[in-house]
Amino acid sequence: MKASYDIFSNPFGPGGAGGTQISALNGAGWGFGWTAGLTFTPMEKTQIGVGYRSAINQKINGNLSVPAFIQGLAAATPGSVNLVLKGTSNYARSAHFLPSGAHR
């Protein structure tokens, strides 16, 4: 996964609100997870599905670039962050009805 956050705006800069880019954060890393799902048809033309996507713990390594006058040191600082993406579940239902007297 590549992650990038390119603008921290300086509202007091020459461009006003959203005027100047004062830092950039760029990084990359890998994480693994799994997905499972189940669909069943309890009656004709009706389907129900459930799914789950597991949590992922991912380490992102990269650089934070800040102008030297703000940071006071090097213009780019290496670093890392642990990104935790929570598990999610979902539910879906589908039913197809035809108006009374309609034929296929």
PDB file of N, CA and C in Angstrom:
ATOM      1  N   MET A   1       0.845  -1.171   0.000  1.00  0.00           N
ATOM      2  CA  MET A   1       0.000   0.000   0.000  1.00  0.00           C
ATOM      3  C   MET A   1       0.881   1.222   0.000  1.00  0.00           C
ATOM      4  N   LYS A   2       0.568   2.170  -0.833  1.00  0.00           N
ATOM      5  CA  LYS A   2       1.253   3.451  -0.805  1.00  0.00           C
ATOM      6  C   LYS A   2       0.324   4.451  -0.135  1.00  0.00           C
ATOM      7  N   ALA A   3       0.890   5.238   0.743  1.00  0.00           N
ATOM      8  CA  ALA A   3       0.108   6.258   1.442  1.00  0.00           C
ATOM      9  C   ALA A   3       0.728   7.611   1.171  1.00  0.00           C
ATOM     10  N   SER A   4      -0.107   8.605   0.990  1.00  0.00           N
ATOM     11  CA  SER A   4       0.394   9.943   0.730  1.00  0.00           C
ATOM     12  C   SER A   4      -0.592  10.970   1.274  1.00  0.00           C
ATOM     13  N   TYR A   5      -0.058  11.952   1.951  1.00  0.00           N
ATOM     14  CA  TYR A   5      -0.854  13.089   2.401  1.00  0.00           C
ATOM     15  C   TYR A   5      -0.029  14.303   2.063  1.00  0.00           C
ATOM     16  N   ASP A   6      -0.414  15.010   1.046  1.00  0.00           N
ATOM     17  CA  ASP A   6       0.462  16.011   0.466  1.00  0.00           C
ATOM     18  C   ASP A   6       0.257  17.442   0.928  1.00  0.00           C
ATOM     19  N   ILE A   7      -0.823  17.749   1.589  1.00  0.00           N
ATOM     20  CA  ILE A   7      -1.025  19.162   1.914  1.00  0.00           C
ATOM     21  C   ILE A   7      -1.446  19.335   3.360  1.00  0.00           C
ATOM     22  N   PHE A   8      -0.653  20.082   4.084  1.00  0.00           N
ATOM     23  CA  PHE A   8      -1.082  20.656   5.342  1.00  0.00           C
ATOM     24  C   PHE A   8      -1.148  22.144   5.045  1.00  0.00           C
ATOM     25  N   SER A   9      -2.303  22.696   4.944  1.00  0.00           N
ATOM     26  CA  SER A   9      -2.440  24.093   4.529  1.00  0.00           C
ATOM     27  C   SER A   9      -2.009  25.054   5.615  1.00  0.00           C
ATOM     28  N   ASN A  10      -1.469  26.156   5.179  1.00  0.00           N
ATOM     29  CA  ASN A  10      -1.121  27.252   6.068  1.00  0.00           C
ATOM     30  C   ASN A  10      -2.085  28.393   5.767  1.00  0.00           C
ATOM     31  N   PRO A  11      -3.160  28.528   6.535  1.00  0.00           N
ATOM     32  CA  PRO A  11      -4.155  29.556   6.226  1.00  0.00           C
ATOM     33  C   PRO A  11      -3.625  30.972   6.365  1.00  0.00           C
ATOM     34  N   PHE A  12      -2.478  31.133   7.005  1.00  0.00           N
ATOM     35  CA  PHE A  12      -1.920  32.473   7.191  1.00  0.00           C
ATOM     36  C   PHE A  12      -0.861  32.796   6.155  1.00  0.00           C
ATOM     37  N   GLY A  13      -0.642  31.869   5.212  1.00  0.00           N
ATOM     38  CA  GLY A  13       0.373  32.067   4.181  1.00  0.00           C
ATOM     39  C   GLY A  13      -0.100  33.025   3.109  1.00  0.00           C
ATOM     40  N   PRO A  14       0.733  33.225   2.097  1.00  0.00           N
ATOM     41  CA  PRO A  14       0.425  34.193   1.043  1.00  0.00           C
ATOM     42  C   PRO A  14      -0.848  33.885   0.267  1.00  0.00           C
ATOM     43  N   GLY A  15      -1.244  32.603   0.192  1.00  0.00           N
ATOM     44  CA  GLY A  15      -2.425  32.267  -0.589  1.00  0.00           C
ATOM     45  C   GLY A  15      -3.718  32.296   0.198  1.00  0.00           C
ATOM     46  N   GLY A  16      -3.677  32.636   1.481  1.00  0.00           N
ATOM     47  CA  GLY A  16      -4.889  32.643   2.292  1.00  0.00           C
ATOM     48  C   GLY A  16      -5.309  31.227   2.648  1.00  0.00           C
ATOM     49  N   ALA A  17      -6.590  31.011   2.852  1.00  0.00           N
ATOM     50  CA  ALA A  17      -7.097  29.689   3.257  1.00  0.00           C
ATOM     51  C   ALA A  17      -6.716  28.642   2.218  1.00  0.00           C
ATOM     52  N   GLY A  18      -6.044  27.605   2.656  1.00  0.00           N
ATOM     53  CA  GLY A  18      -5.598  26.558   1.747  1.00  0.00           C
ATOM     54  C   GLY A  18      -4.497  27.026   0.822  1.00  0.00           C
ATOM     55  N   GLY A  19      -3.793  28.084   1.195  1.00  0.00           N
ATOM     56  CA  GLY A  19      -2.878  28.745   0.276  1.00  0.00           C
ATOM     57  C   GLY A  19      -1.573  28.051  -0.039  1.00  0.00           C
ATOM     58  N   THR A  20      -0.861  27.536   0.949  1.00  0.00           N
ATOM     59  CA  THR A  20       0.472  27.017   0.670  1.00  0.00           C
ATOM     60  C   THR A  20       0.638  25.603   1.203  1.00  0.00           C
ATOM     61  N   GLN A  21       1.422  24.833   0.478  1.00  0.00           N
ATOM     62  CA  GLN A  21       1.750  23.492   0.944  1.00  0.00           C
ATOM     63  C   GLN A  21       2.970  23.614   1.828  1.00  0.00           C
ATOM     64  N   ILE A  22       2.846  23.177   3.083  1.00  0.00           N
ATOM     65  CA  ILE A  22       3.978  23.316   3.985  1.00  0.00           C
ATOM     66  C   ILE A  22       4.581  21.986   4.400  1.00  0.00           C
ATOM     67  N   SER A  23       3.978  20.864   3.984  1.00  0.00           N
ATOM     68  CA  SER A  23       4.595  19.574   4.266  1.00  0.00           C
ATOM     69  C   SER A  23       4.013  18.493   3.373  1.00  0.00           C
ATOM     70  N   ALA A  24       4.734  17.379   3.276  1.00  0.00           N
ATOM     71  CA  ALA A  24       4.270  16.221   2.509  1.00  0.00           C
ATOM     72  C   ALA A  24       4.675  14.958   3.247  1.00  0.00           C
ATOM     73  N   LEU A  25       3.759  14.018   3.344  1.00  0.00           N
ATOM     74  CA  LEU A  25       4.001  12.740   4.000  1.00  0.00           C
ATOM     75  C   LEU A  25       3.808  11.645   2.962  1.00  0.00           C
ATOM     76  N   ASN A  26       4.846  10.846   2.714  1.00  0.00           N
ATOM     77  CA  ASN A  26       4.778   9.772   1.732  1.00  0.00           C
ATOM     78  C   ASN A  26       5.370   8.510   2.325  1.00  0.00           C
ATOM     79  N   GLY A  27       4.745   7.363   2.068  1.00  0.00           N
ATOM     80  CA  GLY A  27       5.267   6.108   2.591  1.00  0.00           C
ATOM     81  C   GLY A  27       4.646   4.915   1.902  1.00  0.00           C
ATOM     82  N   ALA A  28       5.138   3.731   2.246  1.00  0.00           N
ATOM     83  CA  ALA A  28       4.633   2.487   1.667  1.00  0.00           C
ATOM     84  C   ALA A  28       4.806   1.356   2.671  1.00  0.00           C
ATOM     85  N   GLY A  29       4.002   0.322   2.548  1.00  0.00           N
ATOM     86  CA  GLY A  29       4.104  -0.844   3.413  1.00  0.00           C
ATOM     87  C   GLY A  29       3.127  -1.922   2.974  1.00  0.00           C
ATOM     88  N   TRP A  30       3.214  -3.075   3.613  1.00  0.00           N
ATOM     89  CA  TRP A  30       2.353  -4.209   3.298  1.00  0.00           C
ATOM     90  C   TRP A  30       1.592  -4.653   4.534  1.00  0.00           C
ATOM     91  N   GLY A  31       0.391  -5.142   4.328  1.00  0.00           N
ATOM     92  CA  GLY A  31      -0.395  -5.729   5.388  1.00  0.00           C
ATOM     93  C   GLY A  31      -1.226  -6.863   4.804  1.00  0.00           C
ATOM     94  N   PHE A  32      -1.586  -7.838   5.626  1.00  0.00           N
ATOM     95  CA  PHE A  32      -2.351  -8.981   5.145  1.00  0.00           C
ATOM     96  C   PHE A  32      -3.633  -9.127   5.947  1.00  0.00           C
ATOM     97  N   GLY A  33      -4.677  -9.559   5.264  1.00  0.00           N
ATOM     98  CA  GLY A  33      -5.951  -9.801   5.906  1.00  0.00           C
ATOM     99  C   GLY A  33      -6.724 -10.831   5.104  1.00  0.00           C
ATOM    100  N   TRP A  34      -7.954 -11.070   5.483  1.00  0.00           N
ATOM    101  CA  TRP A  34      -8.776 -12.037   4.780  1.00  0.00           C
ATOM    102  C   TRP A  34     -10.211 -11.545   4.680  1.00  0.00           C
ATOM    103  N   THR A  35     -10.921 -12.109   3.718  1.00  0.00           N
ATOM    104  CA  THR A  35     -12.313 -11.770   3.471  1.00  0.00           C
ATOM    105  C   THR A  35     -13.114 -13.060   3.346  1.00  0.00           C
ATOM    106  N   ALA A  36     -14.299 -13.088   3.953  1.00  0.00           N
ATOM    107  CA  ALA A  36     -15.178 -14.253   3.840  1.00  0.00           C
ATOM    108  C   ALA A  36     -16.600 -13.773   3.602  1.00  0.00           C
ATOM    109  N   GLY A  37     -17.342 -14.548   2.869  1.00  0.00           N
ATOM    110  CA  GLY A  37     -18.725 -14.189   2.600  1.00  0.00           C
ATOM    111  C   GLY A  37     -19.587 -15.420   2.383  1.00  0.00           C
ATOM    112  N   LEU A  38     -20.877 -15.237   2.570  1.00  0.00           N
ATOM    113  CA  LEU A  38     -21.835 -16.324   2.404  1.00  0.00           C
ATOM    114  C   LEU A  38     -23.110 -15.734   1.806  1.00  0.00           C
ATOM    115  N   THR A  39     -23.617 -16.370   0.773  1.00  0.00           N
ATOM    116  CA  THR A  39     -24.887 -15.960   0.167  1.00  0.00           C
ATOM    117  C   THR A  39     -25.795 -17.170   0.125  1.00  0.00           C
ATOM    118  N   PHE A  40     -27.047 -16.989   0.515  1.00  0.00           N
ATOM    119  CA  PHE A  40     -27.996 -18.088   0.400  1.00  0.00           C
ATOM    120  C   PHE A  40     -29.335 -17.573  -0.098  1.00  0.00           C
ATOM    121  N   THR A  41     -30.120 -18.502  -0.634  1.00  0.00           N
ATOM    122  CA  THR A  41     -31.413 -18.180  -1.212  1.00  0.00           C
ATOM    123  C   THR A  41     -32.492 -18.932  -0.434  1.00  0.00           C
ATOM    124  N   PRO A  42     -33.155 -18.267   0.526  1.00  0.00           N
ATOM    125  CA  PRO A  42     -34.163 -18.952   1.336  1.00  0.00           C
ATOM    126  C   PRO A  42     -35.435 -19.296   0.560  1.00  0.00           C
ATOM    127  N   MET A  43     -35.721 -18.522  -0.506  1.00  0.00           N
ATOM    128  CA  MET A  43     -36.858 -18.814  -1.383  1.00  0.00           C
ATOM    129  C   MET A  43     -36.544 -18.219  -2.754  1.00  0.00           C
ATOM    130  N   GLU A  44     -37.281 -18.664  -3.734  1.00  0.00           N
ATOM    131  CA  GLU A  44     -37.030 -18.202  -5.093  1.00  0.00           C
ATOM    132  C   GLU A  44     -37.079 -16.666  -5.169  1.00  0.00           C
ATOM    133  N   LYS A  45     -36.131 -16.078  -5.866  1.00  0.00           N
ATOM    134  CA  LYS A  45     -36.023 -14.629  -6.117  1.00  0.00           C
ATOM    135  C   LYS A  45     -35.664 -13.814  -4.882  1.00  0.00           C
ATOM    136  N   THR A  46     -35.206 -14.462  -3.826  1.00  0.00           N
ATOM    137  CA  THR A  46     -34.748 -13.751  -2.627  1.00  0.00           C
ATOM    138  C   THR A  46     -33.372 -14.276  -2.253  1.00  0.00           C
ATOM    139  N   GLN A  47     -32.433 -13.352  -2.078  1.00  0.00           N
ATOM    140  CA  GLN A  47     -31.079 -13.728  -1.685  1.00  0.00           C
ATOM    141  C   GLN A  47     -30.659 -12.907  -0.478  1.00  0.00           C
ATOM    142  N   ILE A  48     -29.902 -13.544   0.404  1.00  0.00           N
ATOM    143  CA  ILE A  48     -29.367 -12.873   1.583  1.00  0.00           C
ATOM    144  C   ILE A  48     -27.878 -13.164   1.631  1.00  0.00           C
ATOM    145  N   GLY A  49     -27.098 -12.139   1.897  1.00  0.00           N
ATOM    146  CA  GLY A  49     -25.657 -12.321   1.959  1.00  0.00           C
ATOM    147  C   GLY A  49     -25.064 -11.642   3.180  1.00  0.00           C
ATOM    148  N   VAL A  50     -24.040 -12.247   3.729  1.00  0.00           N
ATOM    149  CA  VAL A  50     -23.278 -11.665   4.826  1.00  0.00           C
ATOM    150  C   VAL A  50     -21.802 -11.771   4.476  1.00  0.00           C
ATOM    151  N   GLY A  51     -21.012 -10.835   4.967  1.00  0.00           N
ATOM    152  CA  GLY A  51     -19.587 -10.850   4.677  1.00  0.00           C
ATOM    153  C   GLY A  51     -18.783 -10.253   5.810  1.00  0.00           C
ATOM    154  N   TYR A  52     -17.514 -10.575   5.827  1.00  0.00           N
ATOM    155  CA  TYR A  52     -16.608 -10.038   6.839  1.00  0.00           C
ATOM    156  C   TYR A  52     -15.242  -9.788   6.209  1.00  0.00           C
ATOM    157  N   ARG A  53     -14.651  -8.665   6.516  1.00  0.00           N
ATOM    158  CA  ARG A  53     -13.289  -8.324   6.095  1.00  0.00           C
ATOM    159  C   ARG A  53     -12.479  -8.139   7.369  1.00  0.00           C
ATOM    160  N   SER A  54     -11.399  -8.900   7.506  1.00  0.00           N
ATOM    161  CA  SER A  54     -10.630  -8.907   8.752  1.00  0.00           C
ATOM    162  C   SER A  54      -9.899  -7.588   8.984  1.00  0.00           C
ATOM    163  N   ALA A  55      -9.502  -7.390  10.223  1.00  0.00           N
ATOM    164  CA  ALA A  55      -8.673  -6.242  10.580  1.00  0.00           C
ATOM    165  C   ALA A  55      -7.280  -6.429   9.966  1.00  0.00           C
ATOM    166  N   ILE A  56      -6.604  -5.332   9.722  1.00  0.00           N
ATOM    167  CA  ILE A  56      -5.246  -5.373   9.179  1.00  0.00           C
ATOM    168  C   ILE A  56      -4.375  -4.442  10.010  1.00  0.00           C
ATOM    169  N   ASN A  57      -3.249  -4.950  10.468  1.00  0.00           N
ATOM    170  CA  ASN A  57      -2.236  -4.131  11.124  1.00  0.00           C
ATOM    171  C   ASN A  57      -1.115  -3.949  10.118  1.00  0.00           C
ATOM    172  N   GLN A  58      -0.852  -2.723   9.750  1.00  0.00           N
ATOM    173  CA  GLN A  58       0.096  -2.444   8.679  1.00  0.00           C
ATOM    174  C   GLN A  58       1.109  -1.407   9.129  1.00  0.00           C
ATOM    175  N   LYS A  59       2.379  -1.655   8.852  1.00  0.00           N
ATOM    176  CA  LYS A  59       3.431  -0.696   9.167  1.00  0.00           C
ATOM    177  C   LYS A  59       3.789   0.056   7.893  1.00  0.00           C
ATOM    178  N   ILE A  60       3.685   1.378   7.945  1.00  0.00           N
ATOM    179  CA  ILE A  60       4.023   2.237   6.815  1.00  0.00           C
ATOM    180  C   ILE A  60       5.354   2.925   7.119  1.00  0.00           C
ATOM    181  N   ASN A  61       6.333   2.767   6.238  1.00  0.00           N
ATOM    182  CA  ASN A  61       7.623   3.444   6.358  1.00  0.00           C
ATOM    183  C   ASN A  61       7.696   4.522   5.286  1.00  0.00           C
ATOM    184  N   GLY A  62       8.243   5.675   5.641  1.00  0.00           N
ATOM    185  CA  GLY A  62       8.335   6.738   4.653  1.00  0.00           C
ATOM    186  C   GLY A  62       9.049   7.955   5.179  1.00  0.00           C
ATOM    187  N   ASN A  63       8.731   9.100   4.576  1.00  0.00           N
ATOM    188  CA  ASN A  63       9.365  10.369   4.909  1.00  0.00           C
ATOM    189  C   ASN A  63       8.341  11.466   5.100  1.00  0.00           C
ATOM    190  N   LEU A  64       8.625  12.330   6.043  1.00  0.00           N
ATOM    191  CA  LEU A  64       7.861  13.545   6.247  1.00  0.00           C
ATOM    192  C   LEU A  64       8.743  14.688   5.792  1.00  0.00           C
ATOM    193  N   SER A  65       8.306  15.391   4.773  1.00  0.00           N
ATOM    194  CA  SER A  65       9.071  16.513   4.246  1.00  0.00           C
ATOM    195  C   SER A  65       8.453  17.822   4.719  1.00  0.00           C
ATOM    196  N   VAL A  66       9.260  18.623   5.388  1.00  0.00           N
ATOM    197  CA  VAL A  66       8.826  19.911   5.917  1.00  0.00           C
ATOM    198  C   VAL A  66       9.901  20.938   5.579  1.00  0.00           C
ATOM    199  N   PRO A  67       9.520  22.155   5.218  1.00  0.00           N
ATOM    200  CA  PRO A  67      10.541  23.162   4.938  1.00  0.00           C
ATOM    201  C   PRO A  67      11.467  23.366   6.141  1.00  0.00           C
ATOM    202  N   ALA A  68      12.743  23.577   5.877  1.00  0.00           N
ATOM    203  CA  ALA A  68      13.746  23.696   6.934  1.00  0.00           C
ATOM    204  C   ALA A  68      13.423  24.809   7.927  1.00  0.00           C
ATOM    205  N   PHE A  69      12.825  25.907   7.481  1.00  0.00           N
ATOM    206  CA  PHE A  69      12.535  27.007   8.407  1.00  0.00           C
ATOM    207  C   PHE A  69      11.493  26.624   9.453  1.00  0.00           C
ATOM    208  N   ILE A  70      10.663  25.599   9.167  1.00  0.00           N
ATOM    209  CA  ILE A  70       9.680  25.136  10.144  1.00  0.00           C
ATOM    210  C   ILE A  70      10.296  24.085  11.051  1.00  0.00           C
ATOM    211  N   GLN A  71      11.011  23.148  10.461  1.00  0.00           N
ATOM    212  CA  GLN A  71      11.537  22.032  11.207  1.00  0.00           C
ATOM    213  C   GLN A  71      12.832  22.387  11.934  1.00  0.00           C
ATOM    214  N   GLY A  72      13.668  23.197  11.343  1.00  0.00           N
ATOM    215  CA  GLY A  72      14.935  23.562  11.959  1.00  0.00           C
ATOM    216  C   GLY A  72      16.033  22.539  11.754  1.00  0.00           C
ATOM    217  N   LEU A  73      15.723  21.409  11.109  1.00  0.00           N
ATOM    218  CA  LEU A  73      16.710  20.361  10.863  1.00  0.00           C
ATOM    219  C   LEU A  73      16.705  20.018   9.379  1.00  0.00           C
ATOM    220  N   ALA A  74      16.842  18.747   9.082  1.00  0.00           N
ATOM    221  CA  ALA A  74      16.825  18.307   7.692  1.00  0.00           C
ATOM    222  C   ALA A  74      15.455  18.533   7.071  1.00  0.00           C
ATOM    223  N   ALA A  75      15.430  18.642   5.745  1.00  0.00           N
ATOM    224  CA  ALA A  75      14.180  18.902   5.044  1.00  0.00           C
ATOM    225  C   ALA A  75      13.281  17.675   4.968  1.00  0.00           C
ATOM    226  N   ALA A  76      13.816  16.461   5.146  1.00  0.00           N
ATOM    227  CA  ALA A  76      13.001  15.242   5.122  1.00  0.00           C
ATOM    228  C   ALA A  76      13.403  14.354   6.294  1.00  0.00           C
ATOM    229  N   THR A  77      12.432  13.901   7.044  1.00  0.00           N
ATOM    230  CA  THR A  77      12.676  13.066   8.216  1.00  0.00           C
ATOM    231  C   THR A  77      12.070  11.685   7.984  1.00  0.00           C
ATOM    232  N   PRO A  78      12.893  10.606   8.053  1.00  0.00           N
ATOM    233  CA  PRO A  78      12.329   9.265   7.906  1.00  0.00           C
ATOM    234  C   PRO A  78      11.544   8.873   9.157  1.00  0.00           C
ATOM    235  N   GLY A  79      10.566   8.026   8.968  1.00  0.00           N
ATOM    236  CA  GLY A  79       9.780   7.563  10.105  1.00  0.00           C
ATOM    237  C   GLY A  79       8.848   6.443   9.709  1.00  0.00           C
ATOM    238  N   SER A  80       8.083   5.959  10.664  1.00  0.00           N
ATOM    239  CA  SER A  80       7.114   4.908  10.385  1.00  0.00           C
ATOM    240  C   SER A  80       5.893   5.099  11.278  1.00  0.00           C
ATOM    241  N   VAL A  81       4.804   4.499  10.857  1.00  0.00           N
ATOM    242  CA  VAL A  81       3.566   4.551  11.620  1.00  0.00           C
ATOM    243  C   VAL A  81       2.882   3.190  11.495  1.00  0.00           C
ATOM    244  N   ASN A  82       2.234   2.744  12.561  1.00  0.00           N
ATOM    245  CA  ASN A  82       1.449   1.516  12.509  1.00  0.00           C
ATOM    246  C   ASN A  82       0.005   1.897  12.229  1.00  0.00           C
ATOM    247  N   LEU A  83      -0.505   1.424  11.114  1.00  0.00           N
ATOM    248  CA  LEU A  83      -1.856   1.729  10.674  1.00  0.00           C
ATOM    249  C   LEU A  83      -2.744   0.527  10.986  1.00  0.00           C
ATOM    250  N   VAL A  84      -3.800   0.735  11.753  1.00  0.00           N
ATOM    251  CA  VAL A  84      -4.719  -0.341  12.115  1.00  0.00           C
ATOM    252  C   VAL A  84      -6.046  -0.090  11.407  1.00  0.00           C
ATOM    253  N   LEU A  85      -6.408  -0.992  10.497  1.00  0.00           N
ATOM    254  CA  LEU A  85      -7.695  -0.927   9.817  1.00  0.00           C
ATOM    255  C   LEU A  85      -8.606  -1.952  10.483  1.00  0.00           C
ATOM    256  N   LYS A  86      -9.703  -1.493  11.051  1.00  0.00           N
ATOM    257  CA  LYS A  86     -10.605  -2.376  11.796  1.00  0.00           C
ATOM    258  C   LYS A  86     -11.331  -3.342  10.870  1.00  0.00           C
ATOM    259  N   GLY A  87     -11.718  -4.485  11.422  1.00  0.00           N
ATOM    260  CA  GLY A  87     -12.525  -5.445  10.682  1.00  0.00           C
ATOM    261  C   GLY A  87     -13.914  -4.885  10.436  1.00  0.00           C
ATOM    262  N   THR A  88     -14.519  -5.267   9.331  1.00  0.00           N
ATOM    263  CA  THR A  88     -15.865  -4.804   9.011  1.00  0.00           C
ATOM    264  C   THR A  88     -16.741  -5.981   8.608  1.00  0.00           C
ATOM    265  N   SER A  89     -18.030  -5.858   8.869  1.00  0.00           N
ATOM    266  CA  SER A  89     -18.982  -6.874   8.423  1.00  0.00           C
ATOM    267  C   SER A  89     -20.091  -6.177   7.639  1.00  0.00           C
ATOM    268  N   ASN A  90     -20.756  -6.932   6.778  1.00  0.00           N
ATOM    269  CA  ASN A  90     -21.848  -6.347   6.010  1.00  0.00           C
ATOM    270  C   ASN A  90     -22.945  -7.373   5.799  1.00  0.00           C
ATOM    271  N   TYR A  91     -24.117  -6.861   5.449  1.00  0.00           N
ATOM    272  CA  TYR A  91     -25.314  -7.665   5.230  1.00  0.00           C
ATOM    273  C   TYR A  91     -26.030  -7.087   4.022  1.00  0.00           C
ATOM    274  N   ALA A  92     -26.517  -7.945   3.145  1.00  0.00           N
ATOM    275  CA  ALA A  92     -27.272  -7.480   1.981  1.00  0.00           C
ATOM    276  C   ALA A  92     -28.450  -8.409   1.749  1.00  0.00           C
ATOM    277  N   ARG A  93     -29.544  -7.842   1.274  1.00  0.00           N
ATOM    278  CA  ARG A  93     -30.741  -8.623   0.972  1.00  0.00           C
ATOM    279  C   ARG A  93     -31.261  -8.167  -0.377  1.00  0.00           C
ATOM    280  N   SER A  94     -31.675  -9.110  -1.168  1.00  0.00           N
ATOM    281  CA  SER A  94     -32.209  -8.806  -2.486  1.00  0.00           C
ATOM    282  C   SER A  94     -33.483  -9.612  -2.701  1.00  0.00           C
ATOM    283  N   ALA A  95     -34.531  -8.946  -3.123  1.00  0.00           N
ATOM    284  CA  ALA A  95     -35.790  -9.623  -3.419  1.00  0.00           C
ATOM    285  C   ALA A  95     -36.353  -9.041  -4.709  1.00  0.00           C
ATOM    286  N   HIS A  96     -36.848  -9.896  -5.587  1.00  0.00           N
ATOM    287  CA  HIS A  96     -37.414  -9.465  -6.869  1.00  0.00           C
ATOM    288  C   HIS A  96     -38.899  -9.780  -6.877  1.00  0.00           C
ATOM    289  N   PHE A  97     -39.699  -8.756  -7.068  1.00  0.00           N
ATOM    290  CA  PHE A  97     -41.147  -8.914  -7.083  1.00  0.00           C
ATOM    291  C   PHE A  97     -41.685  -8.430  -8.420  1.00  0.00           C
ATOM    292  N   LEU A  98     -42.682  -9.107  -8.922  1.00  0.00           N
ATOM    293  CA  LEU A  98     -43.371  -8.675 -10.138  1.00  0.00           C
ATOM    294  C   LEU A  98     -44.757  -8.198  -9.741  1.00  0.00           C
ATOM    295  N   PRO A  99     -45.251  -7.163 -10.395  1.00  0.00           N
ATOM    296  CA  PRO A  99     -46.614  -6.700 -10.087  1.00  0.00           C
ATOM    297  C   PRO A  99     -47.634  -7.821 -10.332  1.00  0.00           C
ATOM    298  N   SER A 100     -48.744  -7.742  -9.630  1.00  0.00           N
ATOM    299  CA  SER A 100     -49.794  -8.754  -9.765  1.00  0.00           C
ATOM    300  C   SER A 100     -50.227  -8.854 -11.227  1.00  0.00           C
ATOM    301  N   GLY A 101     -50.288 -10.056 -11.744  1.00  0.00           N
ATOM    302  CA  GLY A 101     -50.719 -10.290 -13.119  1.00  0.00           C
ATOM    303  C   GLY A 101     -49.586 -10.211 -14.129  1.00  0.00           C
ATOM    304  N   ALA A 102     -48.398  -9.825 -13.716  1.00  0.00           N
ATOM    305  CA  ALA A 102     -47.270  -9.742 -14.658  1.00  0.00           C
ATOM    306  C   ALA A 102     -46.695 -11.133 -14.875  1.00  0.00           C
ATOM    307  N   HIS A 103     -46.269 -11.405 -16.086  1.00  0.00           N
ATOM    308  CA  HIS A 103     -45.673 -12.699 -16.409  1.00  0.00           C
ATOM    309  C   HIS A 103     -44.310 -12.489 -17.034  1.00  0.00           C
ATOM    310  N   ARG A 104     -43.469 -13.454 -16.815  1.00  0.00           N
ATOM    311  CA  ARG A 104     -42.139 -13.429 -17.467  1.00  0.00           C
ATOM    312  C   ARG A 104     -42.132 -14.346 -18.633  1.00  0.00           C
TER     313      ARG A 104
END
